Amino acid sequence: METNTQIKNNLKQLKLKCINDNLDYYIDEAINAKLSFSDFLLQLTQYEIDSRRNKRREAGLKKSNMGRIKRIEEFDFNFNPNINRQLIMKLVMCDFIKKSENIILAGQTGVGKTFIAKAIGYEAVNKGYNVLFERTNKMLEDIYSGKADNTFNKRLSKYLKPDLLILDDWGMTEFNDTALNILNEIISQRYETGSIIITSNRPIKCWDELFKEKVICSALLDRILHLAHKIEITGKSYRQGGKKLDI
């Protein structure tokens, strides 16, 4: 009993919480399986690694602000054959983040843009990337409100840090000059250093109509679209078709 207590004290000092919390179970399991000392040690360390990985994943999902988890396996590609399934499945692998590339998902309401964006975001978290999801207008309001309490730069930094920034509902209304300047700051600083996924109900060719200041607009759109994977989804709506995908 003293030995067991000392082992737990050592595990506590070493901050091996998973092993410490389940030590008795792991010992019984090893005895029943007749594991060698080396196999038992391997199993213990793997339990601790898996536990820490799962905790990081759970923390990452919570921090991502994505809400309900979306998995690409839940998406019904058969409902809309116009969606390039092969490309979507390639993007889910998240290699585009390593290359600091962007993804544009454009199409009418209800075709699955947000679902796909969140599914990619979910896989990115699983792979250890920092992800942040936000509706575009809400992000702009959040950053702009920082001018009132001198937290503008701090709020802006929040959207510059993630490996993947997901901006939902881009261009629901026209952007005023203040919004344009904030967006230009985000896009410029993230250019070739971080990835962005944008979902929009507006066709990409019409995005220039969202801004009155054409010079800054041109530079901003050029940075967003450069090396971006542009996916314009046409076809019927999942909602109108009775699908319950919460998209």
Protein backbone atom coordinates (compact mmCIF):
# COMPACT_ATOMS: atom_id res chain seq x y z
CA MET A 1 0.00 0.00 0.00
CA GLU A 2 2.90 2.36 0.83
CA THR A 3 4.49 1.62 -2.52
CA ASN A 4 1.24 2.42 -4.35
CA THR A 5 0.90 5.68 -2.44
CA GLN A 6 4.46 6.68 -3.24
CA ILE A 7 3.94 5.89 -6.92
CA LYS A 8 0.87 8.14 -6.98
CA ASN A 9 2.78 10.91 -5.25
CA ASN A 10 5.53 10.62 -7.85
CA LEU A 11 2.98 10.65 -10.67
CA LYS A 12 1.41 13.76 -9.17
CA GLN A 13 4.77 15.54 -9.03
CA LEU A 14 5.46 14.53 -12.62
CA LYS A 15 1.96 15.84 -13.56
CA LEU A 16 0.97 12.51 -15.13
CA LYS A 17 -2.67 13.00 -14.21
CA CYS A 18 -4.27 10.36 -16.44
CA ILE A 19 -1.98 7.59 -15.14
CA ASN A 20 -2.38 8.78 -11.56
CA ASP A 21 -6.19 8.88 -11.74
CA ASN A 22 -6.44 5.39 -13.23
CA LEU A 23 -3.37 3.62 -11.82
CA ASP A 24 -5.22 0.81 -10.03
CA TYR A 25 -7.24 0.01 -13.15
CA TYR A 26 -4.13 -0.01 -15.35
CA ILE A 27 -2.28 -2.31 -12.93
CA ASP A 28 -5.17 -4.78 -12.84
CA GLU A 29 -5.43 -4.66 -16.61
CA ALA A 30 -1.70 -5.36 -16.99
CA ILE A 31 -1.85 -8.29 -14.54
CA ASN A 32 -4.83 -9.85 -16.33
CA ALA A 33 -3.16 -9.42 -19.72
CA LYS A 34 0.17 -10.67 -18.33
CA LEU A 35 2.01 -7.72 -19.82
CA SER A 36 5.79 -7.46 -19.62
CA PHE A 37 7.29 -4.48 -17.79
CA SER A 38 8.18 -2.79 -21.07
CA ASP A 39 4.72 -3.35 -22.56
CA PHE A 40 3.09 -2.05 -19.38
CA LEU A 41 5.26 1.08 -19.46
CA LEU A 42 4.45 1.61 -23.13
CA GLN A 43 0.74 1.26 -22.42
CA LEU A 44 0.88 3.71 -19.51
CA THR A 45 2.72 6.38 -21.48
CA GLN A 46 0.36 5.95 -24.45
CA TYR A 47 -2.66 6.44 -22.15
CA GLU A 48 -1.17 9.69 -20.91
CA ILE A 49 -0.38 10.91 -24.43
CA ASP A 50 -3.89 10.07 -25.68
CA SER A 51 -5.47 11.78 -22.67
CA ARG A 52 -3.50 14.98 -23.19
CA ARG A 53 -4.25 14.96 -26.91
CA ASN A 54 -7.98 14.60 -26.24
CA LYS A 55 -7.91 17.45 -23.71
CA ARG A 56 -6.10 19.72 -26.17
CA ARG A 57 -8.67 18.80 -28.81
CA GLU A 58 -11.61 19.52 -26.51
CA ALA A 59 -10.07 22.85 -25.49
CA GLY A 60 -9.42 23.69 -29.14
CA LEU A 61 -13.00 22.95 -30.14
CA LYS A 62 -14.34 25.11 -27.32
CA LYS A 63 -12.00 27.95 -28.21
CA SER A 64 -12.90 27.70 -31.91
CA ASN A 65 -16.43 29.02 -31.28
CA MET A 66 -17.83 26.58 -33.87
CA GLY A 67 -20.64 25.36 -31.65
CA ARG A 68 -22.14 22.02 -32.64
CA ILE A 69 -19.51 19.72 -34.13
CA LYS A 70 -19.77 19.05 -37.87
CA ARG A 71 -18.19 15.98 -39.44
CA ILE A 72 -17.75 15.66 -43.16
CA GLU A 73 -19.00 12.07 -42.90
CA GLU A 74 -22.43 13.49 -42.03
CA PHE A 75 -22.65 15.57 -45.20
CA ASP A 76 -24.91 14.18 -47.93
CA PHE A 77 -23.00 14.74 -51.15
CA ASN A 78 -25.57 12.72 -53.07
CA PHE A 79 -28.22 15.36 -52.43
CA ASN A 80 -26.29 17.88 -54.54
CA PRO A 81 -24.08 16.27 -57.22
CA ASN A 82 -22.83 19.73 -58.23
CA ILE A 83 -20.54 19.81 -55.19
CA ASN A 84 -17.00 18.66 -55.96
CA ARG A 85 -16.73 15.88 -53.39
CA GLN A 86 -13.16 15.00 -54.32
CA LEU A 87 -11.98 18.58 -53.74
CA ILE A 88 -13.84 18.89 -50.43
CA MET A 89 -12.34 15.65 -49.14
CA LYS A 90 -8.89 16.87 -50.16
CA LEU A 91 -9.39 20.14 -48.28
CA VAL A 92 -10.53 18.25 -45.17
CA MET A 93 -6.97 16.90 -44.97
CA CYS A 94 -5.97 20.52 -44.10
CA ASP A 95 -2.82 20.68 -46.22
CA PHE A 96 -4.06 24.10 -47.39
CA ILE A 97 -3.33 25.44 -43.88
CA LYS A 98 0.34 24.45 -44.15
CA LYS A 99 0.47 26.50 -47.36
CA SER A 100 -1.50 29.45 -45.88
CA GLU A 101 -4.10 29.10 -48.62
CA ASN A 102 -7.72 30.25 -48.39
CA ILE A 103 -11.05 28.62 -49.19
CA ILE A 104 -14.06 30.46 -50.61
CA LEU A 105 -17.46 28.76 -50.33
CA ALA A 106 -20.06 30.76 -52.24
CA GLY A 107 -23.65 29.90 -53.12
CA GLN A 108 -27.27 30.44 -52.24
CA THR A 109 -28.65 29.97 -48.74
CA GLY A 110 -28.92 26.42 -47.47
CA VAL A 111 -26.57 24.56 -49.83
CA GLY A 112 -24.14 23.52 -47.10
CA LYS A 113 -21.43 26.18 -47.09
CA THR A 114 -21.27 26.64 -43.31
CA PHE A 115 -21.52 22.89 -42.72
CA ILE A 116 -18.51 22.25 -44.96
CA ALA A 117 -16.56 25.13 -43.41
CA LYS A 118 -17.17 23.80 -39.88
CA ALA A 119 -16.33 20.23 -40.94
CA ILE A 120 -12.98 21.43 -42.26
CA GLY A 121 -12.50 23.45 -39.08
CA TYR A 122 -13.23 20.38 -36.96
CA GLU A 123 -10.59 18.34 -38.77
CA ALA A 124 -8.14 21.23 -38.42
CA VAL A 125 -8.62 21.20 -34.64
CA ASN A 126 -8.08 17.43 -34.63
CA LYS A 127 -4.77 17.99 -36.40
CA GLY A 128 -3.64 20.46 -33.75
CA TYR A 129 -4.37 23.75 -35.53
CA ASN A 130 -5.84 26.78 -33.78
CA VAL A 131 -9.22 27.60 -35.33
CA LEU A 132 -11.63 30.50 -34.82
CA PHE A 133 -15.14 30.69 -36.30
CA GLU A 134 -17.14 33.92 -36.38
CA ARG A 135 -19.83 35.61 -38.44
CA THR A 136 -18.17 38.36 -40.44
CA ASN A 137 -20.35 41.25 -39.25
CA LYS A 138 -20.06 40.16 -35.62
CA MET A 139 -16.27 40.10 -35.91
CA LEU A 140 -16.26 43.60 -37.38
CA GLU A 141 -18.53 44.88 -34.59
CA ASP A 142 -16.32 43.24 -31.97
CA ILE A 143 -13.13 44.80 -33.31
CA TYR A 144 -14.66 48.25 -33.89
CA SER A 145 -16.08 48.36 -30.35
CA GLY A 146 -12.49 48.27 -29.12
CA LYS A 147 -12.07 51.91 -30.16
CA ALA A 148 -14.30 52.92 -27.25
CA ASP A 149 -12.20 51.24 -24.54
CA ASN A 150 -8.75 51.23 -26.17
CA THR A 151 -8.84 47.48 -26.82
CA PHE A 152 -8.92 47.76 -30.63
CA ASN A 153 -5.48 46.21 -31.21
CA LYS A 154 -6.13 43.45 -28.68
CA ARG A 155 -9.43 42.56 -30.34
CA LEU A 156 -7.85 42.70 -33.78
CA SER A 157 -5.06 40.38 -32.62
CA LYS A 158 -7.65 37.78 -31.64
CA TYR A 159 -8.47 37.28 -35.34
CA LEU A 160 -4.87 37.41 -36.53
CA LYS A 161 -3.50 34.64 -34.31
CA PRO A 162 -5.45 31.49 -35.36
CA ASP A 163 -3.97 29.16 -37.95
CA LEU A 164 -7.43 29.06 -39.54
CA LEU A 165 -9.98 31.88 -39.39
CA ILE A 166 -13.49 31.00 -40.59
CA LEU A 167 -15.61 34.02 -41.60
CA ASP A 168 -19.24 33.05 -42.05
CA ASP A 169 -21.90 35.05 -43.96
CA TRP A 170 -19.45 37.33 -45.76
CA GLY A 171 -21.22 40.22 -47.52
CA MET A 172 -24.72 39.88 -46.10
CA THR A 173 -24.78 43.70 -46.41
CA GLU A 174 -22.42 46.19 -48.01
CA PHE A 175 -19.26 47.04 -46.05
CA ASN A 176 -18.77 50.68 -45.08
CA ASP A 177 -15.34 52.31 -45.14
CA THR A 178 -14.68 51.47 -41.47
CA ALA A 179 -15.44 47.79 -42.09
CA LEU A 180 -13.27 47.86 -45.21
CA ASN A 181 -10.30 49.21 -43.28
CA ILE A 182 -10.67 46.55 -40.58
CA LEU A 183 -11.03 43.77 -43.14
CA ASN A 184 -8.04 45.08 -45.07
CA GLU A 185 -5.96 45.02 -41.89
CA ILE A 186 -6.94 41.40 -41.17
CA ILE A 187 -6.50 40.18 -44.73
CA SER A 188 -3.18 42.01 -45.19
CA GLN A 189 -1.63 40.70 -41.97
CA ARG A 190 -2.85 37.15 -42.53
CA TYR A 191 -1.77 37.11 -46.18
CA GLU A 192 0.51 34.10 -46.74
CA THR A 193 0.85 33.61 -42.97
CA GLY A 194 -2.56 32.17 -42.05
CA SER A 195 -5.54 30.59 -43.78
CA ILE A 196 -9.10 31.89 -44.06
CA ILE A 197 -12.33 30.14 -45.00
CA ILE A 198 -15.08 32.48 -46.19
CA THR A 199 -18.71 31.53 -46.75
CA SER A 200 -20.91 33.89 -48.74
CA ASN A 201 -24.33 33.97 -50.36
CA ARG A 202 -22.98 36.35 -52.99
CA PRO A 203 -21.22 35.16 -56.17
CA ILE A 204 -17.49 35.87 -55.96
CA LYS A 205 -17.63 37.99 -59.13
CA CYS A 206 -19.95 40.41 -57.29
CA TRP A 207 -17.78 40.96 -54.21
CA ASP A 208 -16.36 44.21 -55.52
CA GLU A 209 -19.88 45.65 -55.28
CA LEU A 210 -19.69 45.36 -51.47
CA PHE A 211 -17.16 48.19 -51.19
CA LYS A 212 -17.29 51.83 -52.26
CA GLU A 213 -13.53 52.43 -51.99
CA LYS A 214 -12.32 50.59 -55.08
CA VAL A 215 -8.54 50.93 -54.62
CA ILE A 216 -8.41 49.29 -51.18
CA CYS A 217 -11.12 46.85 -52.27
CA SER A 218 -9.03 45.71 -55.22
CA ALA A 219 -5.98 45.05 -53.04
CA LEU A 220 -8.05 43.27 -50.40
CA LEU A 221 -9.80 40.95 -52.86
CA ASP A 222 -6.55 40.23 -54.66
CA ARG A 223 -5.00 38.96 -51.42
CA ILE A 224 -8.06 36.90 -50.49
CA LEU A 225 -8.42 35.24 -53.88
CA HIS A 226 -4.72 34.68 -54.58
CA LEU A 227 -4.04 30.94 -54.27
CA ALA A 228 -7.59 30.44 -52.90
CA HIS A 229 -9.69 27.36 -53.52
CA LYS A 230 -12.87 28.87 -54.98
CA ILE A 231 -15.95 26.67 -54.61
CA GLU A 232 -19.22 28.05 -55.96
CA ILE A 233 -22.10 25.74 -55.06
CA THR A 234 -25.21 25.70 -57.21
CA GLY A 235 -28.31 23.57 -56.88
CA LYS A 236 -31.17 23.05 -54.48
CA SER A 237 -31.20 23.91 -50.79
CA TYR A 238 -30.90 21.21 -48.13
CA ARG A 239 -33.41 23.08 -46.00
CA GLN A 240 -35.99 23.24 -48.75
CA GLY A 241 -35.36 19.57 -49.44
CA GLY A 242 -36.14 18.66 -45.84
CA LYS A 243 -32.57 17.86 -44.82
CA LYS A 244 -31.73 18.43 -41.17
CA LEU A 245 -28.04 19.19 -41.40
CA ASP A 246 -28.14 22.48 -39.47
CA ILE A 247 -26.22 24.29 -42.19
